[in-house]
N, C-alpha and C. Protein backbone atom coordinates (compact mmCIF):
# COMPACT_ATOMS: atom_id res chain seq x y z
N MET A 1 1.12 -1.34 -0.23
CA MET A 1 -0.43 -0.08 -0.07
C MET A 1 0.64 1.22 -0.10
N ASP A 2 0.59 2.20 -1.15
CA ASP A 2 1.53 3.46 -0.98
C ASP A 2 0.99 4.33 0.36
N ILE A 3 2.06 5.22 0.62
CA ILE A 3 1.53 5.98 2.01
C ILE A 3 0.33 7.00 1.34
N GLU A 4 0.04 7.85 0.36
CA GLU A 4 -1.24 8.32 0.42
C GLU A 4 -2.14 7.41 0.93
N THR A 5 -2.22 6.32 0.29
CA THR A 5 -3.53 5.05 0.73
C THR A 5 -3.25 4.85 2.27
N ARG A 6 -2.42 4.50 2.65
CA ARG A 6 -2.52 3.94 3.99
C ARG A 6 -2.73 5.35 4.71
N LEU A 7 -2.05 6.59 4.61
CA LEU A 7 -2.44 7.84 5.16
C LEU A 7 -3.99 7.75 5.61
N ASN A 8 -4.75 7.83 4.30
CA ASN A 8 -6.24 7.72 4.26
C ASN A 8 -6.74 6.63 4.76
N TYR A 9 -6.42 5.54 4.75
CA TYR A 9 -6.71 3.97 5.46
C TYR A 9 -6.53 5.03 7.37
N ILE A 10 -5.66 5.27 7.50
CA ILE A 10 -5.29 5.58 9.12
C ILE A 10 -6.66 6.94 9.29
N TRP A 11 -6.59 8.00 8.64
CA TRP A 11 -7.62 8.95 8.65
C TRP A 11 -9.05 8.29 8.92
N GLN A 12 -9.28 7.77 7.78
CA GLN A 12 -10.78 6.84 8.15
C GLN A 12 -11.32 6.21 9.30
N ALA A 13 -10.03 5.33 9.56
CA ALA A 13 -10.24 4.84 11.08
C ALA A 13 -10.59 5.36 12.31
N ARG A 14 -9.36 6.41 12.02
CA ARG A 14 -9.61 7.32 13.52
C ARG A 14 -10.75 8.19 13.62
N LYS A 15 -11.42 8.27 12.27
CA LYS A 15 -13.01 9.08 12.10
C LYS A 15 -13.85 8.28 12.74
N SER A 16 -13.67 7.07 12.56
CA SER A 16 -14.52 5.75 12.95
C SER A 16 -14.29 5.50 14.35
N ASP A 17 -13.41 6.38 15.38
CA ASP A 17 -12.72 5.76 16.53
C ASP A 17 -12.18 4.52 16.34
N ARG A 18 -11.37 4.22 15.53
CA ARG A 18 -10.72 2.60 16.10
C ARG A 18 -9.11 3.24 16.16
N ASP A 19 -8.60 2.20 17.30
CA ASP A 19 -7.58 2.04 17.76
C ASP A 19 -6.22 2.14 16.76
N ILE A 20 -5.86 3.24 16.62
CA ILE A 20 -4.43 2.87 15.83
C ILE A 20 -3.39 2.74 16.28
N PRO A 21 -2.38 1.46 15.39
CA PRO A 21 -1.39 0.84 15.87
C PRO A 21 -0.13 2.11 15.97
N LYS A 22 0.83 1.79 16.91
CA LYS A 22 1.75 2.70 17.32
C LYS A 22 2.57 3.13 15.73
N GLU A 23 2.90 1.92 14.88
CA GLU A 23 3.42 2.80 13.29
C GLU A 23 3.03 3.40 12.63
N ASP A 24 1.53 3.28 12.81
CA ASP A 24 0.87 4.41 12.11
C ASP A 24 1.08 5.62 12.75
N ARG A 25 0.83 5.85 14.16
CA ARG A 25 1.05 6.79 14.66
C ARG A 25 2.29 7.45 14.49
N ALA A 26 3.19 6.81 14.12
CA ALA A 26 4.32 7.08 13.98
C ALA A 26 4.57 7.87 12.47
N LEU A 27 3.64 6.81 11.35
CA LEU A 27 4.16 7.45 9.96
C LEU A 27 3.51 8.71 10.09
N VAL A 28 2.24 9.20 10.83
CA VAL A 28 1.40 10.14 10.62
C VAL A 28 2.27 11.44 11.15
N HIS A 29 2.81 11.17 12.33
CA HIS A 29 3.51 12.13 12.69
C HIS A 29 4.69 12.17 12.09
N ASP A 30 5.73 11.02 11.70
CA ASP A 30 6.46 11.79 10.56
C ASP A 30 6.34 12.89 9.83
N MET A 31 5.30 12.08 8.85
CA MET A 31 4.58 12.96 7.46
C MET A 31 4.31 14.20 8.01
N PHE A 32 3.76 14.55 9.09
CA PHE A 32 3.38 15.54 9.24
C PHE A 32 4.56 16.41 9.79
N TRP A 33 5.34 16.27 10.66
CA TRP A 33 6.40 17.17 10.28
C TRP A 33 7.37 16.94 9.98
N GLY A 34 7.59 16.13 8.78
CA GLY A 34 8.23 16.35 7.65
C GLY A 34 7.95 17.49 6.53
N ASP A 35 8.81 17.45 5.30
CA ASP A 35 8.80 17.99 4.40
C ASP A 35 7.18 18.59 3.79
N PHE A 36 7.16 19.90 4.02
CA PHE A 36 5.38 19.86 3.10
C PHE A 36 4.97 19.45 1.49
N GLU A 37 6.23 19.48 1.39
CA GLU A 37 6.22 19.23 -0.29
C GLU A 37 5.77 17.57 -0.62
N HIS A 38 5.92 16.61 0.34
CA HIS A 38 5.63 15.35 0.37
C HIS A 38 4.24 15.08 1.10
N GLN A 39 3.73 15.87 1.46
CA GLN A 39 2.90 16.08 2.45
C GLN A 39 0.93 15.37 1.98
N PHE A 40 0.07 14.95 2.16
CA PHE A 40 -1.12 14.72 1.71
C PHE A 40 -2.14 14.86 2.61
N ASP A 41 -3.10 15.44 2.23
CA ASP A 41 -4.23 15.96 2.38
C ASP A 41 -4.87 15.02 3.91
N ALA A 42 -4.93 13.71 3.87
CA ALA A 42 -5.28 12.51 4.63
C ALA A 42 -4.58 12.79 5.73
N GLY A 43 -2.86 12.96 5.55
CA GLY A 43 -2.29 13.01 6.84
C GLY A 43 -2.26 14.51 7.50
N VAL A 44 -2.50 15.38 7.00
CA VAL A 44 -3.04 16.59 7.74
C VAL A 44 -4.49 16.44 8.40
N TYR A 45 -5.30 15.92 7.94
CA TYR A 45 -6.16 15.29 8.72
C TYR A 45 -6.22 14.18 10.44
N ALA A 46 -5.60 13.46 9.56
CA ALA A 46 -5.26 12.23 10.83
C ALA A 46 -4.24 13.03 11.66
N TYR A 47 -3.23 13.46 11.45
CA TYR A 47 -2.73 14.13 12.90
C TYR A 47 -3.26 14.74 13.66
N ALA A 48 -4.45 15.73 13.45
CA ALA A 48 -5.38 16.34 14.37
C ALA A 48 -6.54 15.27 14.90
N LEU A 49 -6.32 14.08 14.40
CA LEU A 49 -7.25 13.30 14.95
C LEU A 49 -6.78 12.30 16.33
N LEU A 50 -5.49 12.65 15.67
CA LEU A 50 -4.21 11.46 16.70
C LEU A 50 -3.57 12.16 18.07
N PHE A 51 -3.14 13.47 17.68
CA PHE A 51 -2.32 14.13 18.47
C PHE A 51 -3.50 15.55 18.76
N ASP A 52 -2.88 15.67 20.25
CA ASP A 52 -3.68 16.97 20.96
C ASP A 52 -3.47 18.43 20.72
N CYS A 53 -4.06 19.24 20.51
CA CYS A 53 -4.04 20.52 19.85
C CYS A 53 -2.59 21.11 20.86
N ASP A 54 -1.82 21.86 20.41
CA ASP A 54 -1.01 22.15 21.25
C ASP A 54 -0.04 23.52 20.74
N ASP A 55 0.28 24.05 21.14
CA ASP A 55 0.81 25.61 20.19
C ASP A 55 1.92 25.23 18.99
N LYS A 56 2.98 24.14 19.67
CA LYS A 56 3.64 23.43 18.55
C LYS A 56 3.08 23.15 17.08
N GLY A 57 1.92 22.16 17.04
CA GLY A 57 1.12 21.92 16.16
C GLY A 57 0.76 22.92 15.47
N LEU A 58 -0.01 23.74 16.51
CA LEU A 58 -1.01 24.78 15.94
C LEU A 58 -0.16 25.52 15.11
N GLN A 59 1.20 26.03 15.28
CA GLN A 59 1.99 26.80 14.50
C GLN A 59 2.75 25.62 13.17
N ARG A 60 2.84 24.72 13.29
CA ARG A 60 3.15 23.98 12.12
C ARG A 60 1.87 23.97 11.21
N TYR A 61 0.37 23.78 11.99
CA TYR A 61 -1.04 23.91 10.71
C TYR A 61 -1.11 25.22 10.00
N ARG A 62 -0.33 26.42 10.80
CA ARG A 62 -0.24 27.51 10.48
C ARG A 62 0.79 27.97 9.42
N THR A 63 2.09 27.04 9.38
CA THR A 63 2.89 27.40 8.51
C THR A 63 2.69 26.47 7.62
N ALA A 64 1.95 25.40 7.44
CA ALA A 64 1.77 24.63 6.10
C ALA A 64 0.20 25.04 5.33
N PHE A 65 -0.06 25.47 6.14
CA PHE A 65 -1.17 26.42 5.89
C PHE A 65 -1.16 27.71 4.69
N ALA A 66 -0.13 28.51 4.82
CA ALA A 66 0.58 29.48 4.02
C ALA A 66 1.52 28.99 2.76
N TYR A 67 2.30 27.70 3.25
CA TYR A 67 3.14 26.62 2.20
C TYR A 67 2.03 26.61 1.14
N PHE A 68 1.00 25.81 1.31
CA PHE A 68 -0.02 25.17 0.74
C PHE A 68 -0.85 25.84 -0.23
N ARG A 69 -0.87 27.27 0.22
CA ARG A 69 -1.98 28.25 -0.23
C ARG A 69 -0.76 28.89 -1.56
N GLU A 70 0.36 28.86 -0.96
CA GLU A 70 1.83 29.52 -1.95
C GLU A 70 1.85 28.56 -3.25
N ASN A 71 2.39 27.61 -2.46
CA ASN A 71 2.41 26.35 -3.99
C ASN A 71 1.92 25.55 -4.12
N ASP A 72 0.30 25.16 -3.86
CA ASP A 72 -0.41 24.40 -4.53
C ASP A 72 -0.83 24.62 -5.56
N PHE A 73 -1.47 23.89 -6.96
CA PHE A 73 -2.03 24.23 -7.77
C PHE A 73 -3.36 24.36 -7.22
N PHE A 74 -3.45 22.96 -6.65
CA PHE A 74 -5.15 22.60 -6.17
C PHE A 74 -5.22 23.35 -4.50
N ASP A 75 -6.33 23.44 -3.91
CA ASP A 75 -6.25 23.55 -2.79
C ASP A 75 -6.81 22.69 -1.63
N ASP A 76 -6.99 21.52 -1.78
CA ASP A 76 -7.20 20.59 -1.21
C ASP A 76 -6.32 20.26 0.13
N ARG A 77 -5.19 20.60 -0.02
CA ARG A 77 -4.44 20.68 1.22
C ARG A 77 -4.43 21.74 2.08
N ALA A 78 -4.57 22.89 1.86
CA ALA A 78 -4.90 24.29 2.14
C ALA A 78 -6.37 23.89 3.11
N ALA A 79 -7.05 23.34 2.42
CA ALA A 79 -8.85 23.24 2.86
C ALA A 79 -8.46 22.29 4.04
N ALA A 80 -7.83 21.25 3.77
CA ALA A 80 -7.73 20.20 4.76
C ALA A 80 -7.09 20.30 6.12
N VAL A 81 -6.05 21.66 6.11
CA VAL A 81 -5.79 22.35 7.12
C VAL A 81 -6.99 22.97 8.28
N ILE A 82 -7.33 23.83 7.14
CA ILE A 82 -8.51 24.61 8.06
C ILE A 82 -9.53 23.42 8.62
N THR A 83 -9.95 22.68 7.60
CA THR A 83 -10.89 21.46 8.62
C THR A 83 -10.37 20.60 9.61
N ALA A 84 -8.91 20.57 9.83
CA ALA A 84 -8.11 19.72 10.86
C ALA A 84 -8.14 20.64 12.23
N VAL A 85 -7.97 21.72 11.61
CA VAL A 85 -7.71 22.44 13.54
C VAL A 85 -9.16 23.27 13.67
N CYS A 86 -9.90 23.45 12.59
CA CYS A 86 -11.38 24.06 13.29
C CYS A 86 -12.16 22.92 13.37
N ASN A 87 -12.05 21.66 13.05
CA ASN A 87 -12.98 20.79 13.35
C ASN A 87 -12.83 19.59 14.12
N TYR A 88 -11.66 19.01 14.03
CA TYR A 88 -10.97 18.00 14.31
C TYR A 88 -10.43 18.52 15.70
N TRP A 89 -9.92 19.83 15.61
CA TRP A 89 -9.20 20.25 17.04
C TRP A 89 -10.16 21.12 17.85
N HIS A 90 -11.35 21.37 16.92
CA HIS A 90 -12.39 22.78 17.76
C HIS A 90 -11.98 24.14 17.98
N SER A 91 -10.57 24.11 17.21
CA SER A 91 -10.12 25.58 17.46
C SER A 91 -10.27 26.22 16.30
N ALA A 92 -11.57 26.76 16.11
CA ALA A 92 -12.12 28.23 14.88
C ALA A 92 -11.17 29.16 15.86
N GLY A 93 -11.56 29.36 16.89
CA GLY A 93 -10.89 30.52 17.47
C GLY A 93 -9.06 30.82 17.15
N TYR A 94 -8.85 29.56 17.35
CA TYR A 94 -6.90 29.64 17.52
C TYR A 94 -6.60 30.11 15.85
N PHE A 95 -7.38 30.00 14.73
CA PHE A 95 -7.08 30.00 13.50
C PHE A 95 -7.93 30.93 12.77
N GLU A 96 -8.56 32.10 13.92
CA GLU A 96 -9.50 33.10 13.29
C GLU A 96 -8.66 34.10 12.57
N PRO A 97 -7.32 33.95 12.26
CA PRO A 97 -6.54 35.33 11.49
C PRO A 97 -6.63 34.72 10.39
N GLU A 98 -6.47 33.68 10.14
CA GLU A 98 -6.11 33.33 9.06
C GLU A 98 -7.74 32.91 8.24
N LEU A 99 -8.92 32.58 9.17
CA LEU A 99 -10.19 32.48 8.22
C LEU A 99 -10.26 33.72 8.25
N ARG A 100 -10.23 34.72 8.88
CA ARG A 100 -10.36 36.25 8.19
C ARG A 100 -9.44 36.66 7.19
N ALA A 101 -8.35 36.63 6.82
CA ALA A 101 -7.41 36.54 5.53
C ALA A 101 -7.90 35.99 4.34
N VAL A 102 -8.57 35.22 4.78
CA VAL A 102 -8.75 34.37 3.35
C VAL A 102 -9.96 35.26 2.87
N MET A 103 -11.25 35.11 4.06
CA MET A 103 -12.51 36.03 3.93
C MET A 103 -12.24 37.54 2.86
N LYS A 104 -11.48 38.50 3.61
CA LYS A 104 -10.80 39.23 3.47
C LYS A 104 -10.68 39.41 1.65
N GLU A 105 -9.69 38.56 1.49
CA GLU A 105 -9.08 38.29 0.38
C GLU A 105 -9.88 37.47 -0.90
N TRP A 106 -10.74 36.67 -0.22
CA TRP A 106 -11.58 35.54 -1.01
C TRP A 106 -11.07 35.36 -2.37
N PRO A 107 -10.28 34.60 -2.80
CA PRO A 107 -9.65 33.91 -3.89
C PRO A 107 -10.48 33.20 -4.62
N TRP A 108 -11.73 33.28 -4.84
CA TRP A 108 -12.44 32.25 -5.15
C TRP A 108 -12.33 31.49 -6.30
N GLU A 109 -11.73 31.90 -7.34
CA GLU A 109 -11.36 31.39 -8.92
C GLU A 109 -10.36 30.26 -8.24
N GLU A 110 -9.40 30.60 -7.56
CA GLU A 110 -8.19 30.02 -7.31
C GLU A 110 -8.30 29.01 -6.01
N GLU A 111 -9.35 29.57 -5.43
CA GLU A 111 -9.23 28.46 -3.66
C GLU A 111 -10.84 28.52 -3.61
N ALA A 112 -11.43 27.95 -4.43
CA ALA A 112 -13.05 28.03 -3.95
C ALA A 112 -13.26 27.27 -2.70
N THR A 113 -12.44 26.52 -2.76
CA THR A 113 -12.80 25.06 -1.25
C THR A 113 -12.10 25.81 -0.02
N VAL A 114 -10.89 26.56 -0.09
CA VAL A 114 -10.35 27.20 0.73
C VAL A 114 -11.45 28.20 1.34
N CYS A 115 -12.03 29.14 0.63
CA CYS A 115 -12.79 29.98 0.81
C CYS A 115 -14.26 29.09 1.46
N THR A 116 -14.43 28.31 0.83
CA THR A 116 -15.79 27.84 1.66
C THR A 116 -15.52 26.83 2.97
N ALA A 117 -14.59 26.70 2.95
CA ALA A 117 -14.18 26.27 4.35
C ALA A 117 -14.33 27.20 5.59
N ALA A 118 -13.59 28.36 4.79
CA ALA A 118 -13.24 29.53 6.20
C ALA A 118 -14.59 30.13 6.47
N ILE A 119 -15.11 30.32 5.36
CA ILE A 119 -16.17 30.90 5.88
C ILE A 119 -17.41 30.06 6.58
N ILE A 120 -17.44 28.95 6.38
CA ILE A 120 -18.29 27.84 7.08
C ILE A 120 -18.09 27.89 8.54
N TYR A 121 -16.70 27.89 8.86
CA TYR A 121 -16.06 27.28 10.32
C TYR A 121 -16.18 29.11 10.66
N PHE A 122 -15.76 30.32 9.93
CA PHE A 122 -16.05 31.31 10.89
C PHE A 122 -17.47 31.63 11.26
N ALA A 123 -18.23 31.19 10.53
CA ALA A 123 -19.75 31.58 10.88
C ALA A 123 -20.34 30.69 11.94
N THR A 124 -19.88 29.47 12.25
CA THR A 124 -19.89 28.38 13.61
C THR A 124 -18.79 29.33 14.80
N LEU A 125 -18.07 30.13 14.31
CA LEU A 125 -17.35 30.10 15.17
C LEU A 125 -18.35 31.29 15.62
N THR A 126 -18.71 32.25 14.88
CA THR A 126 -19.24 33.52 15.14
C THR A 126 -20.62 33.07 16.16
N PHE A 127 -21.76 32.02 15.94
CA PHE A 127 -22.59 31.55 16.10
C PHE A 127 -22.17 31.05 17.84
N ASP A 128 -21.41 30.29 17.99
CA ASP A 128 -20.84 29.84 19.29
C ASP A 128 -20.53 30.59 20.29
N THR A 129 -19.60 31.95 19.82
CA THR A 129 -19.52 32.76 20.75
C THR A 129 -20.42 33.86 20.72
N LYS A 130 -21.44 33.81 19.80
CA LYS A 130 -22.42 35.23 20.39
C LYS A 130 -21.44 36.36 19.84
N SER A 131 -20.22 36.37 18.98
CA SER A 131 -19.52 37.34 19.05
C SER A 131 -20.19 38.77 18.08
N GLN A 132 -20.69 39.81 18.45
CA GLN A 132 -21.10 40.85 17.71
C GLN A 132 -20.36 41.50 16.57
N GLU A 133 -19.00 41.87 16.98
CA GLU A 133 -17.90 42.19 16.32
C GLU A 133 -18.12 41.07 15.11
N ARG A 134 -18.01 39.78 15.17
CA ARG A 134 -17.33 38.67 14.12
C ARG A 134 -18.61 38.71 13.54
N LEU A 135 -20.10 38.33 14.12
CA LEU A 135 -21.38 38.49 13.31
C LEU A 135 -21.22 39.72 12.17
N ASN A 136 -20.81 41.47 12.70
CA ASN A 136 -20.17 42.26 11.88
C ASN A 136 -19.86 42.17 10.74
N PHE A 137 -18.66 41.59 10.82
CA PHE A 137 -17.51 41.04 10.04
C PHE A 137 -17.79 40.37 9.10
N LEU A 138 -18.78 39.18 9.49
CA LEU A 138 -19.53 38.25 8.49
C LEU A 138 -20.08 39.08 7.45
N LYS A 139 -21.38 39.86 8.13
CA LYS A 139 -22.34 40.43 7.46
C LYS A 139 -21.51 41.12 6.22
N LYS A 140 -20.57 41.93 6.62
CA LYS A 140 -19.79 42.60 5.64
C LYS A 140 -19.21 42.23 4.59
N ILE A 141 -18.91 40.92 4.88
CA ILE A 141 -18.38 39.98 3.81
C ILE A 141 -19.46 39.50 2.86
N ALA A 142 -20.36 38.74 3.63
CA ALA A 142 -21.47 38.73 2.66
C ALA A 142 -22.02 39.55 2.04
N PHE A 143 -22.39 40.71 2.48
CA PHE A 143 -22.78 41.86 1.91
C PHE A 143 -22.09 42.19 0.27
N ASP A 144 -20.77 42.54 0.70
CA ASP A 144 -19.98 42.63 -0.26
C ASP A 144 -19.45 41.52 -1.35
N LEU A 145 -19.87 40.42 -1.43
CA LEU A 145 -19.64 39.38 -1.92
C LEU A 145 -21.26 38.87 -2.62
N TYR A 146 -22.50 39.25 -2.37
CA TYR A 146 -23.50 38.89 -2.68
C TYR A 146 -23.87 39.92 -3.84
N GLY A 147 -24.40 39.13 -5.21
CA GLY A 147 -24.60 39.34 -6.13
C GLY A 147 -23.33 39.56 -6.77
N SER A 148 -21.99 39.24 -6.67
CA SER A 148 -20.78 39.37 -7.41
C SER A 148 -20.57 37.96 -8.19
N MET A 149 -19.55 38.42 -8.58
CA MET A 149 -18.79 37.42 -9.85
C MET A 149 -18.46 36.61 -8.97
N GLU A 150 -17.59 36.71 -7.73
CA GLU A 150 -16.72 35.92 -7.08
C GLU A 150 -17.39 34.68 -6.68
N ILE A 151 -18.71 34.55 -6.21
CA ILE A 151 -19.40 33.36 -5.85
C ILE A 151 -20.51 33.57 -6.76
N THR A 152 -21.08 32.17 -7.02
CA THR A 152 -22.45 32.04 -8.15
C THR A 152 -23.63 31.85 -7.52
N ASP A 153 -23.46 31.60 -6.41
CA ASP A 153 -24.36 31.01 -5.19
C ASP A 153 -24.93 32.04 -3.97
N ASP A 154 -25.90 33.28 -4.58
CA ASP A 154 -26.19 33.58 -3.55
C ASP A 154 -26.88 33.26 -2.42
N ASP A 155 -27.68 32.21 -2.54
CA ASP A 155 -28.13 31.36 -1.40
C ASP A 155 -26.97 30.79 -0.46
N PHE A 156 -26.03 30.56 -0.68
CA PHE A 156 -25.04 30.07 -0.14
C PHE A 156 -24.17 31.17 1.39
N LEU A 157 -24.71 32.71 0.68
CA LEU A 157 -24.39 33.47 1.59
C LEU A 157 -24.95 33.73 2.69
N LYS A 158 -26.59 33.75 1.97
CA LYS A 158 -27.97 33.95 3.06
C LYS A 158 -27.68 32.51 3.93
N ASP A 159 -27.28 31.39 3.56
CA ASP A 159 -27.19 30.17 4.27
C ASP A 159 -26.04 30.55 5.67
N ILE A 160 -24.86 30.94 5.31
CA ILE A 160 -24.25 31.35 5.87
C ILE A 160 -24.44 32.62 7.22
N VAL A 161 -24.85 33.65 6.78
CA VAL A 161 -25.36 34.62 7.67
C VAL A 161 -26.62 34.25 8.74
N ILE A 162 -27.04 33.29 8.22
CA ILE A 162 -28.56 32.29 8.87
C ILE A 162 -27.85 31.45 9.68
N SER A 163 -26.94 30.91 9.37
CA SER A 163 -26.26 29.83 10.67
C SER A 163 -25.35 30.70 11.81
N ALA A 164 -25.07 31.71 11.47
CA ALA A 164 -24.04 32.46 12.09
C ALA A 164 -25.06 33.14 13.40
N CYS A 165 -26.38 33.45 13.06
CA CYS A 165 -27.35 33.90 13.96
C CYS A 165 -27.84 33.18 14.31
N TYR A 166 -28.56 31.93 13.59
CA TYR A 166 -29.41 30.60 13.92
C TYR A 166 -28.95 29.38 15.13
N GLY A 167 -27.61 29.09 14.21
CA GLY A 167 -27.37 27.67 14.36
C GLY A 167 -27.30 26.79 13.20
N VAL A 168 -26.32 26.02 12.88
CA VAL A 168 -26.21 25.00 12.31
C VAL A 168 -27.66 23.92 11.87
N ARG A 169 -28.22 24.08 12.72
CA ARG A 169 -29.46 23.11 12.87
C ARG A 169 -30.77 24.07 12.83
N THR A 170 -30.69 24.93 11.53
CA THR A 170 -32.08 25.45 11.62
C THR A 170 -32.76 25.31 10.28
N ASN A 171 -33.99 25.84 10.00
CA ASN A 171 -34.44 25.81 8.33
C ASN A 171 -34.26 27.06 7.98
N TYR A 172 -33.03 26.62 7.04
CA TYR A 172 -32.61 27.61 6.59
C TYR A 172 -33.57 28.21 5.16
N ARG A 173 -34.60 27.09 4.40
CA ARG A 173 -35.45 27.39 3.33
C ARG A 173 -35.98 28.63 3.73
N ARG A 174 -36.92 28.53 5.26
CA ARG A 174 -37.66 29.36 5.37
C ARG A 174 -37.51 30.43 5.51
N LEU A 175 -36.02 30.81 6.32
CA LEU A 175 -35.43 32.10 6.33
C LEU A 175 -34.68 32.69 5.43
N ARG A 176 -34.25 31.80 4.38
CA ARG A 176 -33.93 32.25 3.31
C ARG A 176 -34.45 33.05 2.50
N GLN A 177 -35.84 32.61 2.23
CA GLN A 177 -36.98 33.00 1.80
C GLN A 177 -37.55 34.53 2.05
N THR A 178 -36.53 35.10 3.34
CA THR A 178 -36.90 36.62 3.70
C THR A 178 -35.75 37.58 3.21
N ILE A 179 -34.94 36.91 2.62
CA ILE A 179 -33.80 37.54 2.04
C ILE A 179 -34.47 37.98 0.51
N HIS A 180 -34.16 39.44 0.33
CA HIS A 180 -34.27 39.28 -1.11
C HIS A 180 -33.39 40.44 -1.66
N THR A 181 -32.69 41.18 -0.72
CA THR A 181 -31.53 42.03 -1.48
C THR A 181 -30.49 41.74 -0.63
N LYS A 182 -29.27 42.24 -0.98
CA LYS A 182 -28.42 41.99 -0.03
C LYS A 182 -28.29 42.87 1.17
N GLU A 183 -28.76 43.93 1.43
CA GLU A 183 -29.21 44.72 2.36
C GLU A 183 -30.20 43.93 3.46
N ASP A 184 -30.78 43.06 3.06
CA ASP A 184 -31.63 42.24 4.07
C ASP A 184 -30.67 41.39 5.04
N LEU A 185 -29.48 41.15 4.50
CA LEU A 185 -28.49 40.04 4.91
C LEU A 185 -27.83 41.08 6.50
N LEU A 186 -27.96 42.27 6.24
CA LEU A 186 -27.84 42.87 7.57
C LEU A 186 -28.35 42.89 8.50
N GLY A 187 -29.58 42.95 8.42
CA GLY A 187 -30.74 43.18 9.45
C GLY A 187 -30.76 41.61 10.37
N PHE A 188 -29.95 40.59 10.02
CA PHE A 188 -29.99 39.49 10.91
C PHE A 188 -29.05 39.58 12.29
N GLU A 189 -29.79 39.09 13.21
CA GLU A 189 -29.19 39.14 14.60
C GLU A 189 -29.48 38.09 15.22
N PHE A 190 -28.28 37.61 16.32
CA PHE A 190 -28.91 36.53 16.86
C PHE A 190 -29.82 36.22 17.55
N GLN A 191 -29.90 34.96 17.19
CA GLN A 191 -31.26 34.45 18.05
C GLN A 191 -31.28 33.37 19.35
């Protein structure tokens, strides 16, 4: 089995709460701390599932994120970093500067997956913390993008603002019908 397949197997096994043998844990660790050029998105995910969040690991993810965004043609590995930190480590707050930077820049044509992950996890962080400052920032981003060529689905932006105010387990369809213009996005508040 090649390394990428092995890392994918380890990641999937750990997602299913299966025990991971010592040699597989070592492989994930060594790949994560090795050369960025030879890393796979499955290894990026697996590391966060196998090892606890710490400052050193978080800094490594930040460095990897910058490297992947700068050097990768596809954005899968950079998006994997966002998911690993924000979902598996439950640390969207620690990665907030990176999420905000992506949202401000919004490189949709080159990094659609990264943009999508950044705005979704930022919306979740906003709802979880009930931060008015974060909500205002998110609404401004959605307002600026609404109806623009940088994103082709305004319903996605509506859902992002709704989830930031109401949480992810909301009837988006009903609330989405109340938004007719981009100005309507600004009227949403925490519920």
